[in-house]
Amino acid sequence: MAVRSTRNIEKQKKKKRRVIPRAKVSRIQGNTLGARRRLKKMAGKARAAKAAAAKA
C-alpha cells in the first residue's frame, strides 16, 4: 500500500495542481484481449441505444 505521510500528501497535491486539464477519453483504446472485449461490448451497447432512439 502507498505511504500516506504528510510530505507525500503535499507532494501529491502539488502534482495535481500542475496537471494540464485534458478531456476524458470517450472510450478505451488498446489491442489487448480485455480492451478489445470491452470495446466490442461498448460498441454493441451504442448500437442498441442508436436503434432504440431511431425506433422511438
N, C-alpha and C. Protein backbone atom coordinates (compact mmCIF):
# COMPACT_ATOMS: atom_id res chain seq x y z
N MET A 1 0.83 -1.18 0.00
CA MET A 1 0.00 0.00 0.00
C MET A 1 0.88 1.26 0.00
N ALA A 2 0.37 2.35 -0.56
CA ALA A 2 1.14 3.59 -0.65
C ALA A 2 1.30 4.22 0.74
N VAL A 3 2.44 4.87 0.92
CA VAL A 3 2.72 5.55 2.19
C VAL A 3 1.93 6.85 2.24
N ARG A 4 1.23 7.10 3.36
CA ARG A 4 0.41 8.31 3.49
C ARG A 4 1.03 9.29 4.48
N SER A 5 2.30 9.63 4.26
CA SER A 5 2.93 10.62 5.14
C SER A 5 2.46 12.01 4.71
N THR A 6 2.56 12.97 5.60
CA THR A 6 2.12 14.34 5.29
C THR A 6 2.93 14.91 4.13
N ARG A 7 4.20 14.56 4.07
CA ARG A 7 5.07 15.04 2.98
C ARG A 7 4.58 14.50 1.63
N ASN A 8 4.25 13.22 1.60
CA ASN A 8 3.76 12.62 0.36
C ASN A 8 2.42 13.21 -0.06
N ILE A 9 1.57 13.49 0.89
CA ILE A 9 0.26 14.09 0.60
C ILE A 9 0.47 15.47 -0.03
N GLU A 10 1.37 16.24 0.54
CA GLU A 10 1.67 17.58 -0.01
C GLU A 10 2.22 17.48 -1.43
N LYS A 11 3.09 16.50 -1.64
CA LYS A 11 3.66 16.29 -2.97
C LYS A 11 2.57 15.99 -3.99
N GLN A 12 1.64 15.10 -3.59
CA GLN A 12 0.53 14.73 -4.49
C GLN A 12 -0.34 15.93 -4.81
N LYS A 13 -0.61 16.76 -3.82
CA LYS A 13 -1.42 17.97 -4.02
C LYS A 13 -0.75 18.91 -5.02
N LYS A 14 0.56 19.08 -4.88
CA LYS A 14 1.31 19.96 -5.79
C LYS A 14 1.27 19.41 -7.21
N LYS A 15 1.44 18.11 -7.33
CA LYS A 15 1.40 17.47 -8.65
C LYS A 15 0.04 17.63 -9.29
N LYS A 16 -1.01 17.45 -8.50
CA LYS A 16 -2.39 17.60 -9.01
C LYS A 16 -2.65 19.01 -9.51
N ARG A 17 -2.09 19.99 -8.81
CA ARG A 17 -2.29 21.38 -9.18
C ARG A 17 -1.61 21.71 -10.51
N ARG A 18 -0.50 21.03 -10.79
CA ARG A 18 0.26 21.31 -12.02
C ARG A 18 -0.24 20.56 -13.25
N VAL A 19 -1.15 19.62 -13.06
CA VAL A 19 -1.62 18.78 -14.17
C VAL A 19 -2.36 19.61 -15.21
N ILE A 20 -2.07 19.34 -16.46
CA ILE A 20 -2.75 20.03 -17.56
C ILE A 20 -4.15 19.46 -17.71
N PRO A 21 -5.19 20.31 -17.73
CA PRO A 21 -6.54 19.78 -17.87
C PRO A 21 -6.76 19.19 -19.27
N ARG A 22 -7.20 17.97 -19.30
CA ARG A 22 -7.46 17.30 -20.57
C ARG A 22 -8.85 16.68 -20.53
N ALA A 23 -9.47 16.57 -21.71
CA ALA A 23 -10.79 15.94 -21.81
C ALA A 23 -10.65 14.45 -21.53
N LYS A 24 -11.64 13.88 -20.85
CA LYS A 24 -11.62 12.45 -20.56
C LYS A 24 -11.80 11.68 -21.86
N VAL A 25 -11.16 10.52 -21.95
CA VAL A 25 -11.30 9.71 -23.17
C VAL A 25 -12.71 9.17 -23.24
N SER A 26 -13.28 9.20 -24.44
CA SER A 26 -14.66 8.76 -24.60
C SER A 26 -14.76 7.24 -24.56
N ARG A 27 -13.70 6.58 -24.98
CA ARG A 27 -13.66 5.11 -24.90
C ARG A 27 -12.22 4.65 -24.78
N ILE A 28 -12.04 3.47 -24.25
CA ILE A 28 -10.70 2.94 -24.03
C ILE A 28 -10.05 2.62 -25.37
N GLN A 29 -8.76 2.57 -25.38
CA GLN A 29 -8.01 2.21 -26.58
C GLN A 29 -7.10 1.06 -26.23
N GLY A 30 -6.73 0.30 -27.23
CA GLY A 30 -5.78 -0.77 -26.99
C GLY A 30 -6.07 -2.00 -27.80
N ASN A 31 -5.09 -2.85 -27.89
CA ASN A 31 -5.21 -4.06 -28.71
C ASN A 31 -5.13 -5.32 -27.86
N THR A 32 -5.23 -5.17 -26.55
CA THR A 32 -5.18 -6.35 -25.69
C THR A 32 -6.54 -7.04 -25.70
N LEU A 33 -6.58 -8.25 -25.28
CA LEU A 33 -7.83 -9.02 -25.30
C LEU A 33 -8.91 -8.35 -24.46
N GLY A 34 -8.54 -7.91 -23.26
CA GLY A 34 -9.51 -7.25 -22.38
C GLY A 34 -10.04 -5.97 -22.98
N ALA A 35 -9.15 -5.18 -23.56
CA ALA A 35 -9.55 -3.90 -24.15
C ALA A 35 -10.46 -4.12 -25.35
N ARG A 36 -10.10 -5.07 -26.18
CA ARG A 36 -10.91 -5.37 -27.38
C ARG A 36 -12.30 -5.86 -26.98
N ARG A 37 -12.35 -6.67 -25.93
CA ARG A 37 -13.63 -7.20 -25.44
C ARG A 37 -14.52 -6.06 -24.92
N ARG A 38 -13.91 -5.15 -24.16
CA ARG A 38 -14.68 -4.01 -23.64
C ARG A 38 -15.15 -3.09 -24.75
N LEU A 39 -14.28 -2.87 -25.76
CA LEU A 39 -14.66 -2.03 -26.90
C LEU A 39 -15.84 -2.66 -27.65
N LYS A 40 -15.78 -3.97 -27.82
CA LYS A 40 -16.85 -4.69 -28.51
C LYS A 40 -18.16 -4.55 -27.75
N LYS A 41 -18.09 -4.67 -26.43
CA LYS A 41 -19.28 -4.55 -25.59
C LYS A 41 -19.85 -3.13 -25.69
N MET A 42 -18.96 -2.13 -25.61
CA MET A 42 -19.40 -0.74 -25.70
C MET A 42 -20.01 -0.44 -27.07
N ALA A 43 -19.44 -1.01 -28.13
CA ALA A 43 -19.96 -0.80 -29.48
C ALA A 43 -21.36 -1.40 -29.60
N GLY A 44 -21.56 -2.57 -29.01
CA GLY A 44 -22.88 -3.21 -29.02
C GLY A 44 -23.91 -2.39 -28.27
N LYS A 45 -23.52 -1.86 -27.12
CA LYS A 45 -24.44 -1.02 -26.33
C LYS A 45 -24.79 0.25 -27.09
N ALA A 46 -23.80 0.86 -27.75
CA ALA A 46 -24.03 2.08 -28.53
C ALA A 46 -24.96 1.79 -29.70
N ARG A 47 -24.75 0.65 -30.34
CA ARG A 47 -25.60 0.27 -31.48
C ARG A 47 -27.03 0.05 -31.04
N ALA A 48 -27.21 -0.61 -29.90
CA ALA A 48 -28.55 -0.87 -29.36
C ALA A 48 -29.24 0.45 -28.98
N ALA A 49 -28.49 1.37 -28.38
CA ALA A 49 -29.06 2.66 -27.99
C ALA A 49 -29.48 3.46 -29.23
N LYS A 50 -28.65 3.41 -30.28
CA LYS A 50 -28.95 4.11 -31.52
C LYS A 50 -30.21 3.54 -32.17
N ALA A 51 -30.34 2.22 -32.15
CA ALA A 51 -31.52 1.56 -32.73
C ALA A 51 -32.77 1.91 -31.93
N ALA A 52 -32.65 1.97 -30.61
CA ALA A 52 -33.78 2.32 -29.74
C ALA A 52 -34.21 3.77 -29.97
N ALA A 53 -33.22 4.65 -30.19
CA ALA A 53 -33.53 6.06 -30.42
C ALA A 53 -34.22 6.24 -31.78
N ALA A 54 -33.78 5.47 -32.77
CA ALA A 54 -34.38 5.55 -34.10
C ALA A 54 -35.80 4.99 -34.11
N LYS A 55 -36.01 3.99 -33.28
CA LYS A 55 -37.34 3.34 -33.19
C LYS A 55 -38.35 4.25 -32.51
N ALA A 56 -37.91 4.96 -31.49
CA ALA A 56 -38.82 5.81 -30.71
C ALA A 56 -39.13 7.14 -31.39
